[in-house]
């Protein structure tokens, strides 16, 4: 009987969404899915850049790399993916309370603006970058790069692979903006609920 009750309690706990507790608004399941989708949107472009460095992108095999270019391209891929993974903080406990392994700050509540302002700024900058990239393709603000060893491919299978890898980046900004708004509303609602509980008691 006791074992059965314990198993039932554990199964119910497993069904509770992230952040759920008495009197607190839980993290919606759709928000968790969005947070996990963001790194997946950024991953294809990073893999394409790594393929470019390794000579597997399908073009430009004879390009002479400068000393700094390969580390820059690899670093850009790693930093982009790292920034995308930070979106998980908007649905995970470490996005609300400093983790225990952080010395001097462990267990402290993270102020809402500390998470919301950088996330909103990031969503805005990403949107501006993507808008410029799309408009540049349409209006040609910058001389287009081609397959002659001077830049990215503009035709053929290599170009299709490039566009397919970078197209998911267009979803990064709106997904991050939606997630940021949801995080802000949830944190505000939980703070209001926490402030009301002592008064009700």
Protein backbone atom coordinates (compact mmCIF):
# COMPACT_ATOMS: atom_id res chain seq x y z
CA UNK A 1 0.00 0.00 0.00
CA UNK A 2 2.74 2.43 1.00
CA UNK A 3 4.79 1.53 -2.05
CA UNK A 4 1.79 2.06 -4.32
CA UNK A 5 1.04 5.47 -2.75
CA UNK A 6 4.68 6.50 -3.12
CA UNK A 7 4.71 5.45 -6.77
CA UNK A 8 1.49 7.36 -7.43
CA UNK A 9 2.89 10.50 -5.81
CA UNK A 10 6.08 10.25 -7.85
CA UNK A 11 4.15 9.79 -11.08
CA UNK A 12 2.01 12.83 -10.33
CA UNK A 13 5.11 14.89 -9.52
CA UNK A 14 6.62 13.88 -12.85
CA UNK A 15 3.55 15.23 -14.63
CA UNK A 16 3.84 18.67 -13.04
CA UNK A 17 5.41 21.18 -15.46
CA UNK A 18 8.65 23.01 -14.65
CA UNK A 19 8.41 25.52 -11.84
CA UNK A 20 5.08 24.30 -10.52
CA UNK A 21 4.54 24.52 -6.78
CA UNK A 22 1.82 25.57 -4.40
CA UNK A 23 0.61 29.04 -5.29
CA UNK A 24 3.05 29.43 -8.20
CA UNK A 25 2.25 29.59 -11.87
CA UNK A 26 4.05 26.71 -13.64
CA UNK A 27 6.09 26.98 -16.82
CA UNK A 28 3.74 26.14 -19.72
CA UNK A 29 4.68 23.11 -21.75
CA UNK A 30 4.62 25.16 -24.96
CA UNK A 31 7.22 27.52 -23.47
CA UNK A 32 9.50 24.57 -22.70
CA UNK A 33 9.16 23.40 -26.29
CA UNK A 34 9.92 26.88 -27.63
CA UNK A 35 13.02 27.15 -25.42
CA UNK A 36 14.31 23.84 -26.77
CA UNK A 37 13.46 24.81 -30.35
CA UNK A 38 15.67 27.93 -30.29
CA UNK A 39 19.04 26.09 -30.08
CA UNK A 40 17.80 23.74 -32.81
CA UNK A 41 17.09 26.74 -35.06
CA UNK A 42 20.66 27.99 -34.59
CA UNK A 43 22.38 24.62 -34.93
CA UNK A 44 22.17 24.17 -38.76
CA UNK A 45 24.03 27.41 -39.52
CA UNK A 46 26.73 26.49 -37.01
CA UNK A 47 27.15 23.06 -38.59
CA UNK A 48 27.36 24.67 -42.04
CA UNK A 49 30.16 26.98 -40.87
CA UNK A 50 32.04 24.04 -39.38
CA UNK A 51 31.63 22.19 -42.68
CA UNK A 52 33.00 25.26 -44.42
CA UNK A 53 36.10 25.25 -42.20
CA UNK A 54 36.61 21.53 -42.85
CA UNK A 55 36.17 21.94 -46.61
CA UNK A 56 32.92 19.95 -46.65
CA UNK A 57 30.50 22.74 -47.63
CA UNK A 58 30.54 21.78 -51.31
CA UNK A 59 32.44 24.76 -52.69
CA UNK A 60 35.48 26.99 -52.23
CA UNK A 61 37.86 24.08 -51.61
CA UNK A 62 40.87 26.10 -52.85
CA UNK A 63 40.20 29.16 -50.68
CA UNK A 64 43.27 30.31 -48.77
CA UNK A 65 42.25 30.93 -45.18
CA UNK A 66 43.90 33.69 -43.19
CA UNK A 67 45.34 32.66 -39.83
CA UNK A 68 42.49 34.22 -37.87
CA UNK A 69 39.58 33.16 -40.09
CA UNK A 70 39.11 29.52 -39.07
CA UNK A 71 39.17 30.28 -35.30
CA UNK A 72 36.75 33.15 -35.92
CA UNK A 73 34.26 30.98 -37.84
CA UNK A 74 34.44 28.20 -35.24
CA UNK A 75 34.13 30.71 -32.38
CA UNK A 76 31.13 32.35 -34.06
CA UNK A 77 29.38 28.99 -34.26
CA UNK A 78 30.09 28.14 -30.62
CA UNK A 79 29.09 31.57 -29.30
CA UNK A 80 25.86 31.58 -31.34
CA UNK A 81 24.85 28.17 -30.05
CA UNK A 82 25.80 29.15 -26.50
CA UNK A 83 23.62 32.26 -26.68
CA UNK A 84 20.76 30.19 -28.07
CA UNK A 85 21.07 27.73 -25.18
CA UNK A 86 20.64 30.60 -22.71
CA UNK A 87 16.97 30.65 -23.74
CA UNK A 88 16.56 27.56 -21.57
CA UNK A 89 17.07 29.83 -18.56
CA UNK A 90 13.68 31.37 -19.29
CA UNK A 91 11.98 28.06 -18.48
CA UNK A 92 14.40 26.49 -16.01
CA UNK A 93 14.90 27.16 -12.26
CA UNK A 94 18.42 28.56 -12.84
CA UNK A 95 16.76 31.39 -14.75
CA UNK A 96 14.98 32.48 -11.56
CA UNK A 97 17.35 31.53 -8.76
CA UNK A 98 21.17 31.50 -8.89
CA UNK A 99 22.37 27.85 -8.85
CA UNK A 100 24.05 26.44 -5.75
CA UNK A 101 27.41 26.00 -7.48
CA UNK A 102 27.82 29.78 -7.99
CA UNK A 103 29.93 31.03 -5.04
CA UNK A 104 28.71 34.11 -3.22
CA UNK A 105 25.40 34.29 -5.09
CA UNK A 106 23.98 30.79 -4.65
CA UNK A 107 20.29 30.66 -3.87
CA UNK A 108 19.67 34.34 -4.54
CA UNK A 109 16.61 35.32 -6.54
CA UNK A 110 17.42 36.71 -9.99
CA UNK A 111 15.64 40.06 -10.53
CA UNK A 112 13.24 39.98 -13.44
CA UNK A 113 14.99 42.75 -15.44
CA UNK A 114 18.32 40.91 -15.25
CA UNK A 115 16.84 38.18 -17.44
CA UNK A 116 14.23 40.12 -19.42
CA UNK A 117 16.36 43.07 -20.59
CA UNK A 118 19.19 41.02 -22.16
CA UNK A 119 16.69 38.60 -23.70
CA UNK A 120 14.61 41.43 -25.20
CA UNK A 121 17.72 43.21 -26.44
CA UNK A 122 18.99 39.98 -27.97
CA UNK A 123 15.69 39.34 -29.73
CA UNK A 124 15.76 42.89 -31.15
CA UNK A 125 19.36 42.66 -32.39
CA UNK A 126 18.76 39.25 -33.96
CA UNK A 127 15.66 40.60 -35.72
CA UNK A 128 17.62 43.56 -37.08
CA UNK A 129 20.45 41.33 -38.29
CA UNK A 130 18.07 38.91 -40.02
CA UNK A 131 16.10 41.76 -41.59
CA UNK A 132 19.29 43.29 -42.97
CA UNK A 133 20.42 39.92 -44.35
CA UNK A 134 17.09 39.37 -46.12
CA UNK A 135 16.91 42.92 -47.48
CA UNK A 136 20.51 42.69 -48.65
CA UNK A 137 19.61 39.61 -50.67
CA UNK A 138 16.71 41.50 -52.26
CA UNK A 139 18.24 44.94 -52.85
CA UNK A 140 21.95 44.13 -52.90
CA UNK A 141 23.31 46.67 -50.42
CA UNK A 142 26.61 44.78 -50.46
CA UNK A 143 28.21 43.19 -53.52
CA UNK A 144 26.99 39.57 -53.62
CA UNK A 145 29.56 36.89 -52.86
CA UNK A 146 30.03 33.99 -55.25
CA UNK A 147 31.80 30.69 -55.96
CA UNK A 148 35.08 32.17 -57.24
CA UNK A 149 36.85 31.95 -53.89
CA UNK A 150 35.65 35.34 -52.64
CA UNK A 151 32.69 34.36 -50.49
CA UNK A 152 29.53 32.30 -50.17
CA UNK A 153 27.87 30.40 -53.03
CA UNK A 154 24.99 32.02 -54.88
CA UNK A 155 23.85 29.07 -57.02
CA UNK A 156 23.90 25.31 -57.20
CA UNK A 157 23.61 22.69 -54.43
CA UNK A 158 26.07 24.54 -52.19
CA UNK A 159 23.83 27.63 -52.26
CA UNK A 160 20.74 25.57 -51.44
CA UNK A 161 22.58 24.00 -48.51
CA UNK A 162 23.62 27.45 -47.30
CA UNK A 163 20.11 28.88 -47.49
CA UNK A 164 18.58 25.79 -45.86
CA UNK A 165 21.08 26.08 -42.99
CA UNK A 166 20.49 29.78 -42.39
CA UNK A 167 16.71 29.94 -42.95
CA UNK A 168 15.87 28.57 -39.45
CA UNK A 169 17.66 31.58 -37.94
CA UNK A 170 14.66 33.69 -38.98
CA UNK A 171 12.65 31.98 -36.22
CA UNK A 172 15.19 32.78 -33.48
CA UNK A 173 14.05 36.35 -32.80
CA UNK A 174 10.25 35.81 -32.67
CA UNK A 175 10.61 32.65 -30.59
CA UNK A 176 12.90 34.42 -28.13
CA UNK A 177 10.54 37.42 -27.95
CA UNK A 178 7.54 35.18 -27.20
CA UNK A 179 9.51 33.30 -24.56
CA UNK A 180 10.70 36.54 -22.94
CA UNK A 181 7.16 37.90 -22.65
CA UNK A 182 5.96 34.60 -21.14
CA UNK A 183 8.83 34.61 -18.64
CA UNK A 184 8.09 38.21 -17.60
CA UNK A 185 4.38 37.56 -17.12
CA UNK A 186 4.97 34.36 -15.16
CA UNK A 187 7.53 35.94 -12.85
CA UNK A 188 5.31 38.98 -12.22
CA UNK A 189 2.32 36.74 -11.50
CA UNK A 190 4.36 34.61 -9.09
CA UNK A 191 5.73 37.68 -7.31
CA UNK A 192 2.22 39.08 -6.92
CA UNK A 193 0.98 35.75 -5.58
CA UNK A 194 3.88 35.51 -3.14
CA UNK A 195 3.20 39.03 -1.86
CA UNK A 196 -0.49 38.29 -1.40
CA UNK A 197 -0.01 35.08 0.60
CA UNK A 198 1.33 36.71 3.80
CA UNK A 199 -1.52 39.24 3.73
CA UNK A 200 -4.07 36.45 3.34
CA UNK A 201 -2.46 34.54 6.17
